[in-house]
Protein backbone atom coordinates (compact mmCIF):
# COMPACT_ATOMS: atom_id res chain seq x y z
CA MET A 1 14.29 -13.42 -27.25
CA GLY A 2 11.07 -12.16 -25.30
CA LEU A 3 7.79 -14.02 -25.99
CA ASP A 4 6.35 -10.78 -27.34
CA LYS A 5 8.76 -10.98 -30.27
CA ILE A 6 7.70 -14.45 -31.13
CA ILE A 7 3.94 -14.03 -30.98
CA PRO A 8 2.11 -10.79 -31.28
CA ARG A 9 0.66 -9.35 -28.11
CA GLY A 10 -3.26 -10.27 -27.96
CA LEU A 11 -3.06 -13.14 -30.63
CA THR A 12 -5.97 -15.54 -29.83
CA LEU A 13 -4.69 -19.28 -29.47
CA SER A 14 -7.63 -20.75 -27.74
CA PRO A 15 -11.09 -21.71 -29.42
CA GLY A 16 -12.67 -19.58 -26.28
CA GLY A 17 -11.09 -16.41 -27.43
CA GLU A 18 -8.42 -16.35 -24.69
CA THR A 19 -5.05 -14.26 -25.35
CA LEU A 20 -1.61 -15.77 -25.03
CA SER A 21 -1.03 -13.55 -21.95
CA LYS A 22 -3.92 -14.84 -20.16
CA GLN A 23 -3.11 -18.34 -20.89
CA LEU A 24 0.50 -17.91 -19.49
CA ALA A 25 -0.76 -16.08 -16.32
CA ARG A 26 -3.20 -19.18 -15.59
CA ASN A 27 -0.09 -21.52 -16.26
CA LEU A 28 1.94 -19.37 -13.95
CA ARG A 29 -0.78 -19.48 -11.25
CA LYS A 30 -0.46 -23.50 -11.32
CA ASN A 31 2.98 -23.36 -10.99
CA LEU A 32 4.13 -20.77 -8.37
CA THR A 33 7.49 -20.80 -6.80
CA ASP A 34 8.12 -21.71 -3.12
CA ALA A 35 8.53 -17.85 -2.25
CA GLU A 36 5.37 -17.22 -4.29
CA LYS A 37 3.19 -19.77 -2.53
CA ARG A 38 4.25 -18.33 0.81
CA LEU A 39 3.23 -14.90 0.03
CA TRP A 40 0.05 -15.80 -1.58
CA TYR A 41 -0.66 -17.89 1.52
CA ASN A 42 -0.49 -14.67 3.55
CA LEU A 43 -2.03 -12.28 0.79
CA ARG A 44 -5.10 -14.27 -0.39
CA ASP A 45 -8.50 -14.06 0.99
CA ARG A 46 -7.95 -10.36 1.98
CA GLN A 47 -5.92 -11.57 4.94
CA LEU A 48 -3.63 -8.57 4.87
CA GLY A 49 -5.51 -5.56 5.99
CA GLY A 50 -8.68 -6.54 4.04
CA TRP A 51 -7.06 -5.73 0.72
CA LYS A 52 -7.67 -8.02 -2.25
CA PHE A 53 -4.77 -9.36 -4.01
CA ARG A 54 -4.46 -11.12 -7.65
CA ARG A 55 -1.69 -13.39 -8.38
CA GLN A 56 0.03 -13.64 -12.04
CA HIS A 57 -2.10 -10.99 -13.34
CA VAL A 58 -1.91 -9.52 -16.77
CA ILE A 59 -1.26 -5.61 -17.03
CA GLY A 60 -0.62 -4.39 -20.47
CA PRO A 61 2.13 -6.60 -22.06
CA PHE A 62 3.31 -7.98 -18.46
CA ILE A 63 2.40 -10.60 -16.10
CA VAL A 64 2.94 -9.37 -12.51
CA ASP A 65 3.45 -11.65 -9.56
CA PHE A 66 0.96 -9.90 -7.27
CA VAL A 67 -1.25 -6.79 -7.54
CA CYS A 68 -3.79 -5.08 -5.49
CA LEU A 69 -5.85 -3.26 -7.98
CA GLU A 70 -7.56 -0.97 -5.21
CA LYS A 71 -4.28 0.59 -4.29
CA LYS A 72 -2.57 0.02 -7.48
CA LEU A 73 0.26 -1.71 -5.85
CA VAL A 74 2.41 -4.42 -7.67
CA ILE A 75 4.59 -6.79 -5.85
CA GLU A 76 7.36 -8.60 -7.86
CA LEU A 77 9.34 -11.65 -6.45
CA ASP A 78 12.83 -11.88 -7.84
CA GLY A 79 15.05 -15.19 -7.94
CA GLY A 80 18.73 -15.46 -8.86
CA GLN A 81 17.79 -15.09 -12.63
CA HIS A 82 16.71 -11.45 -12.04
CA ALA A 83 20.25 -10.27 -11.21
CA GLU A 84 20.99 -10.69 -14.94
CA MET A 85 17.54 -9.29 -16.02
CA GLU A 86 17.94 -5.83 -14.32
CA ALA A 87 17.35 -3.84 -17.74
CA GLN A 88 14.13 -5.99 -18.40
CA ASP A 89 12.94 -5.48 -14.80
CA GLN A 90 13.53 -1.85 -15.14
CA LYS A 91 11.73 -1.53 -18.25
CA ARG A 92 8.69 -3.42 -16.67
CA THR A 93 8.78 -1.03 -13.54
CA ASP A 94 8.79 1.99 -15.74
CA TYR A 95 5.83 0.70 -17.74
CA LEU A 96 3.86 -0.01 -14.51
CA ILE A 97 4.66 3.47 -13.11
CA ARG A 98 3.62 5.26 -16.07
CA LYS A 99 0.38 3.23 -15.61
CA GLY A 100 -0.05 4.66 -12.01
CA PHE A 101 1.18 1.50 -10.26
CA ARG A 102 3.62 1.64 -7.24
CA VAL A 103 6.07 -1.40 -7.53
CA MET A 104 7.61 -3.22 -4.75
CA ARG A 105 10.43 -5.80 -5.21
CA PHE A 106 11.55 -8.59 -2.89
CA TRP A 107 14.24 -11.44 -3.32
CA ASN A 108 12.74 -14.90 -2.78
CA ASN A 109 14.96 -15.53 -0.02
CA GLU A 110 13.51 -12.33 1.83
CA VAL A 111 9.99 -13.89 1.65
CA LEU A 112 11.08 -17.42 2.64
CA GLN A 113 13.28 -16.17 5.48
CA GLU A 114 11.81 -12.87 6.51
CA THR A 115 8.07 -13.44 5.75
CA GLU A 116 6.58 -11.06 8.63
CA ALA A 117 9.20 -8.32 7.93
CA VAL A 118 8.07 -8.55 4.13
CA LEU A 119 4.23 -8.58 4.97
CA GLU A 120 4.94 -5.64 7.36
CA THR A 121 6.63 -3.53 4.61
CA ILE A 122 3.62 -4.28 2.16
CA PHE A 123 1.15 -3.46 4.73
CA ASP A 124 2.91 -0.11 5.43
CA MET A 125 2.74 0.68 1.66
CA LEU A 126 -1.04 -0.30 1.65
CA SER A 127 -1.72 2.14 4.51
CA ASP A 128 0.34 5.07 3.03
CA GLU A 129 -2.05 7.99 3.11
CA ASP A 130 -0.95 8.91 -0.29
CA SER A 131 -1.99 6.07 -2.06
CA PRO A 132 -5.64 5.57 -3.53
CA PRO A 133 -8.40 5.00 -1.19
CA HIS A 134 -10.06 1.60 -0.85
CA PRO A 135 -13.01 1.90 -3.43
CA ASN A 136 -15.39 -0.21 -1.29
CA PRO A 137 -14.34 0.18 2.57
CA LEU A 138 -15.91 -2.19 4.92
CA PRO A 139 -18.76 -0.46 7.18
CA PRO A 140 -17.48 0.15 10.90
CA LYS A 141 -18.65 -2.53 13.16
CA SER A 142 -21.29 -1.71 15.73
CA ARG A 143 -20.77 -2.24 19.47
CA GLY A 144 -21.22 -5.87 20.38
CA GLU A 145 -20.44 -7.00 16.94
CA ARG A 146 -17.79 -9.87 16.78
CA GLY A 147 -14.94 -9.66 14.35
């Protein structure tokens, strides 16, 4: 049974007015898998093409592993348990697509064993001309500027 069946979405549990989804996302950020840690190490601080990523971010009723909001790109990492959760994963993907997001899925072992290939695939998707433009592009560097 899903958490949304037990506790209604948006139910405030903490005195600060935080929702259960936000609390759960915060907890997930503190307990990343090895694959999530590896990918986050490479995505954080705008290391991949200057794009900002968030981890364990709430989108509607779901918490996604990683998202670049500027490009509306969601990255999901799947472990062995996801083989049995295909229908749930498809429902989540369908929801995200309806909200305008593109969704990429990688197996945990792909991230751990082929990190560079995964990063190249993500970079290619971010660089796709059909994706939304960066809302605040960096100004071009003038001659003599170091970077």
